[in-house]
Amino acid sequence: MVKYLVLGLILVDVALNVTGQLSLKSGMNQLGNFSLSLSTLPPVFLKAATNLNVLFGLLCYGLGFLVWLIVLAKAEVSYAYPLISLGYVFTAILARLLFGEAVSVTRMVGILVTCLGVFLIARS
């Protein structure tokens, strides 16, 4: 029973991290294009710090961190941490769907390999 509860908590952590990442991306997209220089970064950081999507993304990361602490208390890190790679899978798929990002065949193969590895680890 504990194993399934831990697996559920890992999936909650993955969902929070994916949501956080996509929310941060959405917020930064709202800021638009900017040049990378020391003089332009402070205003960009200020705009980012007041963007609701960026703030929501940070909240998701914070909650994910708290969930992860519980996972680490209940599971072996050699089991739990590799399962976090599911976040790469969901983030790539959702980035394609939500933002129209290019997901090449090579990336898709990498995602499939990751899924196979997660499957093998979850069975151990």
PDB file of N, CA and C in Angstrom:
ATOM      1  N   MET A   1       0.820  -1.201   0.000  1.00  0.00           N
ATOM      2  CA  MET A   1       0.000   0.000   0.000  1.00  0.00           C
ATOM      3  C   MET A   1       0.861   1.262   0.000  1.00  0.00           C
ATOM      4  N   VAL A   2       1.926   1.242   0.823  1.00  0.00           N
ATOM      5  CA  VAL A   2       2.807   2.403   0.905  1.00  0.00           C
ATOM      6  C   VAL A   2       3.465   2.667  -0.440  1.00  0.00           C
ATOM      7  N   LYS A   3       3.830   1.589  -1.169  1.00  0.00           N
ATOM      8  CA  LYS A   3       4.479   1.755  -2.470  1.00  0.00           C
ATOM      9  C   LYS A   3       3.565   2.503  -3.439  1.00  0.00           C
ATOM     10  N   TYR A   4       2.267   2.165  -3.429  1.00  0.00           N
ATOM     11  CA  TYR A   4       1.334   2.840  -4.328  1.00  0.00           C
ATOM     12  C   TYR A   4       1.094   4.281  -3.901  1.00  0.00           C
ATOM     13  N   LEU A   5       1.078   4.524  -2.603  1.00  0.00           N
ATOM     14  CA  LEU A   5       0.927   5.892  -2.100  1.00  0.00           C
ATOM     15  C   LEU A   5       2.134   6.738  -2.513  1.00  0.00           C
ATOM     16  N   VAL A   6       3.334   6.164  -2.375  1.00  0.00           N
ATOM     17  CA  VAL A   6       4.554   6.877  -2.781  1.00  0.00           C
ATOM     18  C   VAL A   6       4.539   7.120  -4.287  1.00  0.00           C
ATOM     19  N   LEU A   7       4.138   6.127  -5.055  1.00  0.00           N
ATOM     20  CA  LEU A   7       4.061   6.305  -6.502  1.00  0.00           C
ATOM     21  C   LEU A   7       3.067   7.412  -6.844  1.00  0.00           C
ATOM     22  N   GLY A   8       1.951   7.462  -6.139  1.00  0.00           N
ATOM     23  CA  GLY A   8       0.979   8.532  -6.345  1.00  0.00           C
ATOM     24  C   GLY A   8       1.558   9.898  -6.012  1.00  0.00           C
ATOM     25  N   LEU A   9       2.311   9.980  -4.925  1.00  0.00           N
ATOM     26  CA  LEU A   9       2.948  11.246  -4.553  1.00  0.00           C
ATOM     27  C   LEU A   9       3.992  11.669  -5.590  1.00  0.00           C
ATOM     28  N   ILE A  10       4.708  10.700  -6.132  1.00  0.00           N
ATOM     29  CA  ILE A  10       5.681  11.019  -7.187  1.00  0.00           C
ATOM     30  C   ILE A  10       4.957  11.589  -8.400  1.00  0.00           C
ATOM     31  N   LEU A  11       3.819  11.004  -8.748  1.00  0.00           N
ATOM     32  CA  LEU A  11       3.058  11.508  -9.889  1.00  0.00           C
ATOM     33  C   LEU A  11       2.485  12.903  -9.617  1.00  0.00           C
ATOM     34  N   VAL A  12       2.092  13.166  -8.372  1.00  0.00           N
ATOM     35  CA  VAL A  12       1.647  14.515  -7.995  1.00  0.00           C
ATOM     36  C   VAL A  12       2.806  15.493  -8.161  1.00  0.00           C
ATOM     37  N   ASP A  13       3.994  15.090  -7.720  1.00  0.00           N
ATOM     38  CA  ASP A  13       5.169  15.942  -7.859  1.00  0.00           C
ATOM     39  C   ASP A  13       5.472  16.215  -9.333  1.00  0.00           C
ATOM     40  N   VAL A  14       5.395  15.178 -10.147  1.00  0.00           N
ATOM     41  CA  VAL A  14       5.624  15.343 -11.590  1.00  0.00           C
ATOM     42  C   VAL A  14       4.599  16.317 -12.168  1.00  0.00           C
ATOM     43  N   ALA A  15       3.332  16.153 -11.810  1.00  0.00           N
ATOM     44  CA  ALA A  15       2.285  17.040 -12.323  1.00  0.00           C
ATOM     45  C   ALA A  15       2.529  18.487 -11.898  1.00  0.00           C
ATOM     46  N   LEU A  16       2.933  18.692 -10.663  1.00  0.00           N
ATOM     47  CA  LEU A  16       3.218  20.047 -10.186  1.00  0.00           C
ATOM     48  C   LEU A  16       4.405  20.656 -10.937  1.00  0.00           C
ATOM     49  N   ASN A  17       5.436  19.856 -11.165  1.00  0.00           N
ATOM     50  CA  ASN A  17       6.611  20.361 -11.882  1.00  0.00           C
ATOM     51  C   ASN A  17       6.303  20.672 -13.348  1.00  0.00           C
ATOM     52  N   VAL A  18       5.540  19.816 -13.985  1.00  0.00           N
ATOM     53  CA  VAL A  18       5.163  20.059 -15.382  1.00  0.00           C
ATOM     54  C   VAL A  18       4.293  21.310 -15.471  1.00  0.00           C
ATOM     55  N   THR A  19       3.313  21.417 -14.585  1.00  0.00           N
ATOM     56  CA  THR A  19       2.444  22.594 -14.570  1.00  0.00           C
ATOM     57  C   THR A  19       3.255  23.854 -14.312  1.00  0.00           C
ATOM     58  N   GLY A  20       4.192  23.757 -13.372  1.00  0.00           N
ATOM     59  CA  GLY A  20       5.052  24.899 -13.074  1.00  0.00           C
ATOM     60  C   GLY A  20       5.890  25.309 -14.270  1.00  0.00           C
ATOM     61  N   GLN A  21       6.486  24.343 -14.935  1.00  0.00           N
ATOM     62  CA  GLN A  21       7.335  24.635 -16.081  1.00  0.00           C
ATOM     63  C   GLN A  21       6.538  25.287 -17.216  1.00  0.00           C
ATOM     64  N   LEU A  22       5.367  24.740 -17.510  1.00  0.00           N
ATOM     65  CA  LEU A  22       4.551  25.282 -18.588  1.00  0.00           C
ATOM     66  C   LEU A  22       3.997  26.657 -18.224  1.00  0.00           C
ATOM     67  N   SER A  23       3.701  26.862 -16.968  1.00  0.00           N
ATOM     68  CA  SER A  23       3.226  28.166 -16.513  1.00  0.00           C
ATOM     69  C   SER A  23       4.341  29.210 -16.616  1.00  0.00           C
ATOM     70  N   LEU A  24       5.553  28.831 -16.232  1.00  0.00           N
ATOM     71  CA  LEU A  24       6.689  29.746 -16.374  1.00  0.00           C
ATOM     72  C   LEU A  24       6.911  30.104 -17.844  1.00  0.00           C
ATOM     73  N   LYS A  25       6.831  29.111 -18.714  1.00  0.00           N
ATOM     74  CA  LYS A  25       7.005  29.348 -20.146  1.00  0.00           C
ATOM     75  C   LYS A  25       5.932  30.299 -20.664  1.00  0.00           C
ATOM     76  N   SER A  26       4.697  30.081 -20.259  1.00  0.00           N
ATOM     77  CA  SER A  26       3.607  30.944 -20.691  1.00  0.00           C
ATOM     78  C   SER A  26       3.826  32.385 -20.212  1.00  0.00           C
ATOM     79  N   GLY A  27       4.232  32.529 -18.976  1.00  0.00           N
ATOM     80  CA  GLY A  27       4.501  33.854 -18.440  1.00  0.00           C
ATOM     81  C   GLY A  27       5.621  34.564 -19.173  1.00  0.00           C
ATOM     82  N   MET A  28       6.677  33.842 -19.463  1.00  0.00           N
ATOM     83  CA  MET A  28       7.801  34.459 -20.174  1.00  0.00           C
ATOM     84  C   MET A  28       7.430  34.770 -21.618  1.00  0.00           C
ATOM     85  N   ASN A  29       6.564  33.961 -22.221  1.00  0.00           N
ATOM     86  CA  ASN A  29       6.076  34.279 -23.569  1.00  0.00           C
ATOM     87  C   ASN A  29       5.301  35.596 -23.553  1.00  0.00           C
ATOM     88  N   GLN A  30       4.574  35.840 -22.478  1.00  0.00           N
ATOM     89  CA  GLN A  30       3.805  37.079 -22.361  1.00  0.00           C
ATOM     90  C   GLN A  30       4.721  38.299 -22.279  1.00  0.00           C
ATOM     91  N   LEU A  31       5.919  38.119 -21.749  1.00  0.00           N
ATOM     92  CA  LEU A  31       6.849  39.244 -21.654  1.00  0.00           C
ATOM     93  C   LEU A  31       7.399  39.643 -23.013  1.00  0.00           C
ATOM     94  N   GLY A  32       7.375  38.726 -23.945  1.00  0.00           N
ATOM     95  CA  GLY A  32       7.852  39.036 -25.290  1.00  0.00           C
ATOM     96  C   GLY A  32       9.359  38.884 -25.415  1.00  0.00           C
ATOM     97  N   ASN A  33       9.851  39.256 -26.575  1.00  0.00           N
ATOM     98  CA  ASN A  33      11.280  39.132 -26.879  1.00  0.00           C
ATOM     99  C   ASN A  33      12.061  40.258 -26.201  1.00  0.00           C
ATOM    100  N   PHE A  34      13.235  39.940 -25.695  1.00  0.00           N
ATOM    101  CA  PHE A  34      14.103  40.943 -25.083  1.00  0.00           C
ATOM    102  C   PHE A  34      15.548  40.555 -25.340  1.00  0.00           C
ATOM    103  N   SER A  35      16.416  41.547 -25.308  1.00  0.00           N
ATOM    104  CA  SER A  35      17.830  41.270 -25.541  1.00  0.00           C
ATOM    105  C   SER A  35      18.486  40.827 -24.240  1.00  0.00           C
ATOM    106  N   LEU A  36      19.509  40.029 -24.379  1.00  0.00           N
ATOM    107  CA  LEU A  36      20.250  39.542 -23.220  1.00  0.00           C
ATOM    108  C   LEU A  36      21.431  40.456 -22.947  1.00  0.00           C
ATOM    109  N   SER A  37      21.233  41.378 -22.043  1.00  0.00           N
ATOM    110  CA  SER A  37      22.325  42.252 -21.624  1.00  0.00           C
ATOM    111  C   SER A  37      22.091  42.609 -20.159  1.00  0.00           C
ATOM    112  N   LEU A  38      23.144  43.011 -19.488  1.00  0.00           N
ATOM    113  CA  LEU A  38      23.023  43.342 -18.068  1.00  0.00           C
ATOM    114  C   LEU A  38      22.040  44.483 -17.824  1.00  0.00           C
ATOM    115  N   SER A  39      21.917  45.386 -18.754  1.00  0.00           N
ATOM    116  CA  SER A  39      21.023  46.531 -18.553  1.00  0.00           C
ATOM    117  C   SER A  39      19.551  46.172 -18.761  1.00  0.00           C
ATOM    118  N   THR A  40      19.261  45.157 -19.578  1.00  0.00           N
ATOM    119  CA  THR A  40      17.859  44.809 -19.838  1.00  0.00           C
ATOM    120  C   THR A  40      17.311  43.755 -18.885  1.00  0.00           C
ATOM    121  N   LEU A  41      18.187  43.012 -18.222  1.00  0.00           N
ATOM    122  CA  LEU A  41      17.699  41.922 -17.377  1.00  0.00           C
ATOM    123  C   LEU A  41      16.946  42.381 -16.124  1.00  0.00           C
ATOM    124  N   PRO A  42      17.393  43.408 -15.399  1.00  0.00           N
ATOM    125  CA  PRO A  42      16.612  43.815 -14.215  1.00  0.00           C
ATOM    126  C   PRO A  42      15.152  44.159 -14.519  1.00  0.00           C
ATOM    127  N   PRO A  43      14.845  44.944 -15.571  1.00  0.00           N
ATOM    128  CA  PRO A  43      13.427  45.189 -15.864  1.00  0.00           C
ATOM    129  C   PRO A  43      12.669  43.917 -16.258  1.00  0.00           C
ATOM    130  N   VAL A  44      13.352  43.005 -16.952  1.00  0.00           N
ATOM    131  CA  VAL A  44      12.709  41.745 -17.335  1.00  0.00           C
ATOM    132  C   VAL A  44      12.388  40.931 -16.087  1.00  0.00           C
ATOM    133  N   PHE A  45      13.332  40.850 -15.149  1.00  0.00           N
ATOM    134  CA  PHE A  45      13.085  40.114 -13.914  1.00  0.00           C
ATOM    135  C   PHE A  45      11.953  40.744 -13.110  1.00  0.00           C
ATOM    136  N   LEU A  46      11.876  42.061 -13.113  1.00  0.00           N
ATOM    137  CA  LEU A  46      10.796  42.747 -12.400  1.00  0.00           C
ATOM    138  C   LEU A  46       9.443  42.429 -13.038  1.00  0.00           C
ATOM    139  N   LYS A  47       9.383  42.461 -14.358  1.00  0.00           N
ATOM    140  CA  LYS A  47       8.143  42.094 -15.046  1.00  0.00           C
ATOM    141  C   LYS A  47       7.778  40.632 -14.772  1.00  0.00           C
ATOM    142  N   ALA A  48       8.780  39.761 -14.795  1.00  0.00           N
ATOM    143  CA  ALA A  48       8.531  38.342 -14.537  1.00  0.00           C
ATOM    144  C   ALA A  48       8.025  38.136 -13.113  1.00  0.00           C
ATOM    145  N   ALA A  49       8.578  38.889 -12.169  1.00  0.00           N
ATOM    146  CA  ALA A  49       8.202  38.737 -10.757  1.00  0.00           C
ATOM    147  C   ALA A  49       6.782  39.201 -10.486  1.00  0.00           C
ATOM    148  N   THR A  50       6.193  39.946 -11.411  1.00  0.00           N
ATOM    149  CA  THR A  50       4.824  40.416 -11.223  1.00  0.00           C
ATOM    150  C   THR A  50       3.851  39.752 -12.201  1.00  0.00           C
ATOM    151  N   ASN A  51       4.326  38.797 -12.985  1.00  0.00           N
ATOM    152  CA  ASN A  51       3.477  38.093 -13.941  1.00  0.00           C
ATOM    153  C   ASN A  51       2.767  36.943 -13.230  1.00  0.00           C
ATOM    154  N   LEU A  52       1.452  36.867 -13.351  1.00  0.00           N
ATOM    155  CA  LEU A  52       0.677  35.839 -12.639  1.00  0.00           C
ATOM    156  C   LEU A  52       1.056  34.419 -13.049  1.00  0.00           C
ATOM    157  N   ASN A  53       1.335  34.198 -14.328  1.00  0.00           N
ATOM    158  CA  ASN A  53       1.733  32.853 -14.758  1.00  0.00           C
ATOM    159  C   ASN A  53       3.078  32.459 -14.164  1.00  0.00           C
ATOM    160  N   VAL A  54       4.005  33.387 -14.091  1.00  0.00           N
ATOM    161  CA  VAL A  54       5.305  33.103 -13.480  1.00  0.00           C
ATOM    162  C   VAL A  54       5.125  32.821 -11.989  1.00  0.00           C
ATOM    163  N   LEU A  55       4.325  33.615 -11.318  1.00  0.00           N
ATOM    164  CA  LEU A  55       4.086  33.398  -9.887  1.00  0.00           C
ATOM    165  C   LEU A  55       3.398  32.058  -9.631  1.00  0.00           C
ATOM    166  N   PHE A  56       2.438  31.712 -10.496  1.00  0.00           N
ATOM    167  CA  PHE A  56       1.784  30.416 -10.356  1.00  0.00           C
ATOM    168  C   PHE A  56       2.773  29.269 -10.578  1.00  0.00           C
ATOM    169  N   GLY A  57       3.649  29.424 -11.560  1.00  0.00           N
ATOM    170  CA  GLY A  57       4.676  28.417 -11.809  1.00  0.00           C
ATOM    171  C   GLY A  57       5.584  28.225 -10.607  1.00  0.00           C
ATOM    172  N   LEU A  58       5.967  29.326  -9.970  1.00  0.00           N
ATOM    173  CA  LEU A  58       6.802  29.238  -8.769  1.00  0.00           C
ATOM    174  C   LEU A  58       6.052  28.565  -7.624  1.00  0.00           C
ATOM    175  N   LEU A  59       4.762  28.853  -7.492  1.00  0.00           N
ATOM    176  CA  LEU A  59       3.941  28.197  -6.475  1.00  0.00           C
ATOM    177  C   LEU A  59       3.910  26.683  -6.702  1.00  0.00           C
ATOM    178  N   CYS A  60       3.723  26.293  -7.950  1.00  0.00           N
ATOM    179  CA  CYS A  60       3.718  24.856  -8.283  1.00  0.00           C
ATOM    180  C   CYS A  60       5.048  24.205  -7.914  1.00  0.00           C
ATOM    181  N   TYR A  61       6.151  24.873  -8.225  1.00  0.00           N
ATOM    182  CA  TYR A  61       7.457  24.334  -7.867  1.00  0.00           C
ATOM    183  C   TYR A  61       7.605  24.201  -6.359  1.00  0.00           C
ATOM    184  N   GLY A  62       7.148  25.196  -5.625  1.00  0.00           N
ATOM    185  CA  GLY A  62       7.229  25.142  -4.167  1.00  0.00           C
ATOM    186  C   GLY A  62       6.426  23.996  -3.591  1.00  0.00           C
ATOM    187  N   LEU A  63       5.197  23.817  -4.081  1.00  0.00           N
ATOM    188  CA  LEU A  63       4.375  22.702  -3.607  1.00  0.00           C
ATOM    189  C   LEU A  63       4.993  21.366  -4.005  1.00  0.00           C
ATOM    190  N   GLY A  64       5.534  21.306  -5.219  1.00  0.00           N
ATOM    191  CA  GLY A  64       6.213  20.087  -5.659  1.00  0.00           C
ATOM    192  C   GLY A  64       7.391  19.741  -4.762  1.00  0.00           C
ATOM    193  N   PHE A  65       8.120  20.764  -4.335  1.00  0.00           N
ATOM    194  CA  PHE A  65       9.251  20.553  -3.428  1.00  0.00           C
ATOM    195  C   PHE A  65       8.778  19.935  -2.112  1.00  0.00           C
ATOM    196  N   LEU A  66       7.667  20.433  -1.582  1.00  0.00           N
ATOM    197  CA  LEU A  66       7.142  19.883  -0.324  1.00  0.00           C
ATOM    198  C   LEU A  66       6.697  18.433  -0.490  1.00  0.00           C
ATOM    199  N   VAL A  67       6.042  18.146  -1.608  1.00  0.00           N
ATOM    200  CA  VAL A  67       5.640  16.758  -1.887  1.00  0.00           C
ATOM    201  C   VAL A  67       6.880  15.879  -2.018  1.00  0.00           C
ATOM    202  N   TRP A  68       7.907  16.405  -2.679  1.00  0.00           N
ATOM    203  CA  TRP A  68       9.135  15.632  -2.884  1.00  0.00           C
ATOM    204  C   TRP A  68       9.807  15.289  -1.550  1.00  0.00           C
ATOM    205  N   LEU A  69       9.757  16.184  -0.598  1.00  0.00           N
ATOM    206  CA  LEU A  69      10.329  15.897   0.718  1.00  0.00           C
ATOM    207  C   LEU A  69       9.632  14.690   1.365  1.00  0.00           C
ATOM    208  N   ILE A  70       8.322  14.603   1.213  1.00  0.00           N
ATOM    209  CA  ILE A  70       7.582  13.454   1.745  1.00  0.00           C
ATOM    210  C   ILE A  70       8.007  12.186   1.021  1.00  0.00           C
ATOM    211  N   VAL A  71       8.148  12.278  -0.299  1.00  0.00           N
ATOM    212  CA  VAL A  71       8.580  11.113  -1.084  1.00  0.00           C
ATOM    213  C   VAL A  71       9.937  10.632  -0.601  1.00  0.00           C
ATOM    214  N   LEU A  72      10.866  11.553  -0.408  1.00  0.00           N
ATOM    215  CA  LEU A  72      12.215  11.162   0.025  1.00  0.00           C
ATOM    216  C   LEU A  72      12.205  10.509   1.401  1.00  0.00           C
ATOM    217  N   ALA A  73      11.265  10.879   2.237  1.00  0.00           N
ATOM    218  CA  ALA A  73      11.166  10.277   3.568  1.00  0.00           C
ATOM    219  C   ALA A  73      10.620   8.852   3.502  1.00  0.00           C
ATOM    220  N   LYS A  74       9.911   8.511   2.426  1.00  0.00           N
ATOM    221  CA  LYS A  74       9.225   7.220   2.353  1.00  0.00           C
ATOM    222  C   LYS A  74       9.769   6.261   1.302  1.00  0.00           C
ATOM    223  N   ALA A  75      10.638   6.730   0.415  1.00  0.00           N
ATOM    224  CA  ALA A  75      11.103   5.868  -0.680  1.00  0.00           C
ATOM    225  C   ALA A  75      12.598   6.009  -0.870  1.00  0.00           C
ATOM    226  N   GLU A  76      13.169   5.005  -1.487  1.00  0.00           N
ATOM    227  CA  GLU A  76      14.580   5.075  -1.854  1.00  0.00           C
ATOM    228  C   GLU A  76      14.733   6.070  -2.992  1.00  0.00           C
ATOM    229  N   VAL A  77      15.720   6.931  -2.870  1.00  0.00           N
ATOM    230  CA  VAL A  77      15.925   7.947  -3.905  1.00  0.00           C
ATOM    231  C   VAL A  77      16.301   7.299  -5.234  1.00  0.00           C
ATOM    232  N   SER A  78      16.935   6.140  -5.219  1.00  0.00           N
ATOM    233  CA  SER A  78      17.293   5.446  -6.456  1.00  0.00           C
ATOM    234  C   SER A  78      16.058   4.919  -7.184  1.00  0.00           C
ATOM    235  N   TYR A  79      14.945   4.782  -6.468  1.00  0.00           N
ATOM    236  CA  TYR A  79      13.670   4.401  -7.078  1.00  0.00           C
ATOM    237  C   TYR A  79      12.894   5.652  -7.506  1.00  0.00           C
ATOM    238  N   ALA A  80      12.804   6.614  -6.612  1.00  0.00           N
ATOM    239  CA  ALA A  80      11.935   7.770  -6.820  1.00  0.00           C
ATOM    240  C   ALA A  80      12.465   8.744  -7.872  1.00  0.00           C
ATOM    241  N   TYR A  81      13.730   9.067  -7.790  1.00  0.00           N
ATOM    242  CA  TYR A  81      14.252  10.131  -8.649  1.00  0.00           C
ATOM    243  C   TYR A  81      14.151   9.813 -10.144  1.00  0.00           C
ATOM    244  N   PRO A  82      14.481   8.611 -10.583  1.00  0.00           N
ATOM    245  CA  PRO A  82      14.332   8.340 -12.024  1.00  0.00           C
ATOM    246  C   PRO A  82      12.899   8.495 -12.522  1.00  0.00           C
ATOM    247  N   LEU A  83      11.913   8.281 -11.645  1.00  0.00           N
ATOM    248  CA  LEU A  83      10.521   8.421 -12.070  1.00  0.00           C
ATOM    249  C   LEU A  83      10.164   9.872 -12.381  1.00  0.00           C
ATOM    250  N   ILE A  84      10.943  10.795 -11.844  1.00  0.00           N
ATOM    251  CA  ILE A  84      10.725  12.213 -12.123  1.00  0.00           C
ATOM    252  C   ILE A  84      10.917  12.494 -13.614  1.00  0.00           C
ATOM    253  N   SER A  85      11.639  11.623 -14.315  1.00  0.00           N
ATOM    254  CA  SER A  85      11.855  11.844 -15.744  1.00  0.00           C
ATOM    255  C   SER A  85      10.556  11.799 -16.537  1.00  0.00           C
ATOM    256  N   LEU A  86       9.481  11.316 -15.936  1.00  0.00           N
ATOM    257  CA  LEU A  86       8.178  11.405 -16.599  1.00  0.00           C
ATOM    258  C   LEU A  86       7.824  12.860 -16.895  1.00  0.00           C
ATOM    259  N   GLY A  87       8.353  13.757 -16.092  1.00  0.00           N
ATOM    260  CA  GLY A  87       8.123  15.182 -16.329  1.00  0.00           C
ATOM    261  C   GLY A  87       8.634  15.615 -17.687  1.00  0.00           C
ATOM    262  N   TYR A  88       9.755  15.049 -18.129  1.00  0.00           N
ATOM    263  CA  TYR A  88      10.294  15.373 -19.454  1.00  0.00           C
ATOM    264  C   TYR A  88       9.309  14.953 -20.548  1.00  0.00           C
ATOM    265  N   VAL A  89       8.702  13.802 -20.343  1.00  0.00           N
ATOM    266  CA  VAL A  89       7.761  13.268 -21.319  1.00  0.00           C
ATOM    267  C   VAL A  89       6.543  14.184 -21.430  1.00  0.00           C
ATOM    268  N   PHE A  90       5.911  14.440 -20.294  1.00  0.00           N
ATOM    269  CA  PHE A  90       4.689  15.252 -20.302  1.00  0.00           C
ATOM    270  C   PHE A  90       4.965  16.686 -20.727  1.00  0.00           C
ATOM    271  N   THR A  91       6.103  17.235 -20.320  1.00  0.00           N
ATOM    272  CA  THR A  91       6.435  18.607 -20.695  1.00  0.00           C
ATOM    273  C   THR A  91       6.619  18.719 -22.207  1.00  0.00           C
ATOM    274  N   ALA A  92       7.305  17.779 -22.814  1.00  0.00           N
ATOM    275  CA  ALA A  92       7.528  17.820 -24.261  1.00  0.00           C
ATOM    276  C   ALA A  92       6.206  17.698 -25.017  1.00  0.00           C
ATOM    277  N   ILE A  93       5.375  16.782 -24.587  1.00  0.00           N
ATOM    278  CA  ILE A  93       4.092  16.588 -25.274  1.00  0.00           C
ATOM    279  C   ILE A  93       3.207  17.823 -25.128  1.00  0.00           C
ATOM    280  N   LEU A  94       3.104  18.336 -23.909  1.00  0.00           N
ATOM    281  CA  LEU A  94       2.255  19.503 -23.684  1.00  0.00           C
ATOM    282  C   LEU A  94       2.831  20.772 -24.318  1.00  0.00           C
ATOM    283  N   ALA A  95       4.143  20.890 -24.374  1.00  0.00           N
ATOM    284  CA  ALA A  95       4.749  22.043 -25.046  1.00  0.00           C
ATOM    285  C   ALA A  95       4.397  22.026 -26.527  1.00  0.00           C
ATOM    286  N   ARG A  96       4.347  20.857 -27.089  1.00  0.00           N
ATOM    287  CA  ARG A  96       3.940  20.714 -28.503  1.00  0.00           C
ATOM    288  C   ARG A  96       2.481  21.127 -28.674  1.00  0.00           C
ATOM    289  N   LEU A  97       1.617  20.642 -27.781  1.00  0.00           N
ATOM    290  CA  LEU A  97       0.191  20.927 -27.891  1.00  0.00           C
ATOM    291  C   LEU A  97      -0.162  22.378 -27.552  1.00  0.00           C
ATOM    292  N   LEU A  98       0.444  22.907 -26.496  1.00  0.00           N
ATOM    293  CA  LEU A  98       0.077  24.238 -26.006  1.00  0.00           C
ATOM    294  C   LEU A  98       0.808  25.379 -26.699  1.00  0.00           C
ATOM    295  N   PHE A  99       2.084  25.152 -27.033  1.00  0.00           N
ATOM    296  CA  PHE A  99       2.907  26.228 -27.569  1.00  0.00           C
ATOM    297  C   PHE A  99       3.336  25.999 -29.014  1.00  0.00           C
ATOM    298  N   GLY A 100       2.962  24.851 -29.566  1.00  0.00           N
ATOM    299  CA  GLY A 100       3.341  24.555 -30.939  1.00  0.00           C
ATOM    300  C   GLY A 100       4.828  24.317 -31.124  1.00  0.00           C
ATOM    301  N   GLU A 101       5.509  23.898 -30.071  1.00  0.00           N
ATOM    302  CA  GLU A 101       6.951  23.652 -30.178  1.00  0.00           C
ATOM    303  C   GLU A 101       7.219  22.423 -31.036  1.00  0.00           C
ATOM    304  N   ALA A 102       8.329  22.449 -31.726  1.00  0.00           N
ATOM    305  CA  ALA A 102       8.717  21.330 -32.586  1.00  0.00           C
ATOM    306  C   ALA A 102       9.226  20.179 -31.720  1.00  0.00           C
ATOM    307  N   VAL A 103       8.658  19.013 -31.934  1.00  0.00           N
ATOM    308  CA  VAL A 103       9.131  17.806 -31.258  1.00  0.00           C
ATOM    309  C   VAL A 103       9.542  16.838 -32.363  1.00  0.00           C
ATOM    310  N   SER A 104      10.839  16.765 -32.587  1.00  0.00           N
ATOM    311  CA  SER A 104      11.368  15.979 -33.698  1.00  0.00           C
ATOM    312  C   SER A 104      11.255  14.481 -33.419  1.00  0.00           C
ATOM    313  N   VAL A 105      11.513  13.702 -34.450  1.00  0.00           N
ATOM    314  CA  VAL A 105      11.512  12.246 -34.306  1.00  0.00           C
ATOM    315  C   VAL A 105      12.557  11.821 -33.281  1.00  0.00           C
ATOM    316  N   THR A 106      13.708  12.462 -33.303  1.00  0.00           N
ATOM    317  CA  THR A 106      14.761  12.131 -32.335  1.00  0.00           C
ATOM    318  C   THR A 106      14.280  12.368 -30.914  1.00  0.00           C
ATOM    319  N   ARG A 107      13.595  13.474 -30.681  1.00  0.00           N
ATOM    320  CA  ARG A 107      13.048  13.728 -29.343  1.00  0.00           C
ATOM    321  C   ARG A 107      12.007  12.689 -28.970  1.00  0.00           C
ATOM    322  N   MET A 108      11.158  12.321 -29.930  1.00  0.00           N
ATOM    323  CA  MET A 108      10.131  11.314 -29.654  1.00  0.00           C
ATOM    324  C   MET A 108      10.759   9.970 -29.289  1.00  0.00           C
ATOM    325  N   VAL A 109      11.822   9.604 -29.968  1.00  0.00           N
ATOM    326  CA  VAL A 109      12.522   8.359 -29.624  1.00  0.00           C
ATOM    327  C   VAL A 109      13.084   8.463 -28.216  1.00  0.00           C
ATOM    328  N   GLY A 110      13.676   9.603 -27.881  1.00  0.00           N
ATOM    329  CA  GLY A 110      14.182   9.811 -26.526  1.00  0.00           C
ATOM    330  C   GLY A 110      13.075   9.701 -25.487  1.00  0.00           C
ATOM    331  N   ILE A 111      11.900  10.249 -25.798  1.00  0.00           N
ATOM    332  CA  ILE A 111      10.758  10.162 -24.891  1.00  0.00           C
ATOM    333  C   ILE A 111      10.333   8.703 -24.709  1.00  0.00           C
ATOM    334  N   LEU A 112      10.314   7.945 -25.780  1.00  0.00           N
ATOM    335  CA  LEU A 112       9.948   6.523 -25.686  1.00  0.00           C
ATOM    336  C   LEU A 112      10.963   5.742 -24.853  1.00  0.00           C
ATOM    337  N   VAL A 113      12.238   6.031 -25.029  1.00  0.00           N
ATOM    338  CA  VAL A 113      13.278   5.369 -24.233  1.00  0.00           C
ATOM    339  C   VAL A 113      13.097   5.726 -22.754  1.00  0.00           C
ATOM    340  N   THR A 114      12.797   6.982 -22.482  1.00  0.00           N
ATOM    341  CA  THR A 114      12.549   7.413 -21.103  1.00  0.00           C
ATOM    342  C   THR A 114      11.369   6.654 -20.512  1.00  0.00           C
ATOM    343  N   CYS A 115      10.294   6.530 -21.280  1.00  0.00           N
ATOM    344  CA  CYS A 115       9.113   5.801 -20.808  1.00  0.00           C
ATOM    345  C   CYS A 115       9.447   4.348 -20.494  1.00  0.00           C
ATOM    346  N   LEU A 116      10.241   3.723 -21.340  1.00  0.00           N
ATOM    347  CA  LEU A 116      10.649   2.347 -21.089  1.00  0.00           C
ATOM    348  C   LEU A 116      11.443   2.263 -19.786  1.00  0.00           C
ATOM    349  N   GLY A 117      12.353   3.180 -19.573  1.00  0.00           N
ATOM    350  CA  GLY A 117      13.136   3.184 -18.344  1.00  0.00           C
ATOM    351  C   GLY A 117      12.264   3.397 -17.112  1.00  0.00           C
ATOM    352  N   VAL A 118      11.302   4.300 -17.193  1.00  0.00           N
ATOM    353  CA  VAL A 118      10.388   4.533 -16.080  1.00  0.00           C
ATOM    354  C   VAL A 118       9.574   3.274 -15.791  1.00  0.00           C
ATOM    355  N   PHE A 119       9.114   2.613 -16.837  1.00  0.00           N
ATOM    356  CA  PHE A 119       8.351   1.378 -16.669  1.00  0.00           C
ATOM    357  C   PHE A 119       9.183   0.322 -15.920  1.00  0.00           C
ATOM    358  N   LEU A 120      10.433   0.165 -16.324  1.00  0.00           N
ATOM    359  CA  LEU A 120      11.293  -0.839 -15.681  1.00  0.00           C
ATOM    360  C   LEU A 120      11.565  -0.483 -14.217  1.00  0.00           C
ATOM    361  N   ILE A 121      11.791   0.783 -13.930  1.00  0.00           N
ATOM    362  CA  ILE A 121      12.059   1.193 -12.564  1.00  0.00           C
ATOM    363  C   ILE A 121      10.823   1.025 -11.687  1.00  0.00           C
ATOM    364  N   ALA A 122       9.657   1.383 -12.208  1.00  0.00           N
ATOM    365  CA  ALA A 122       8.415   1.276 -11.437  1.00  0.00           C
ATOM    366  C   ALA A 122       8.099  -0.179 -11.077  1.00  0.00           C
ATOM    367  N   ARG A 123       8.536  -1.099 -11.898  1.00  0.00           N
ATOM    368  CA  ARG A 123       8.296  -2.527 -11.628  1.00  0.00           C
ATOM    369  C   ARG A 123       9.253  -3.102 -10.600  1.00  0.00           C
ATOM    370  N   SER A 124      10.314  -2.395 -10.285  1.00  0.00           N
ATOM    371  CA  SER A 124      11.324  -2.951  -9.370  1.00  0.00           C
ATOM    372  C   SER A 124      10.913  -2.827  -7.913  1.00  0.00           C
TER     373      SER A 124
END
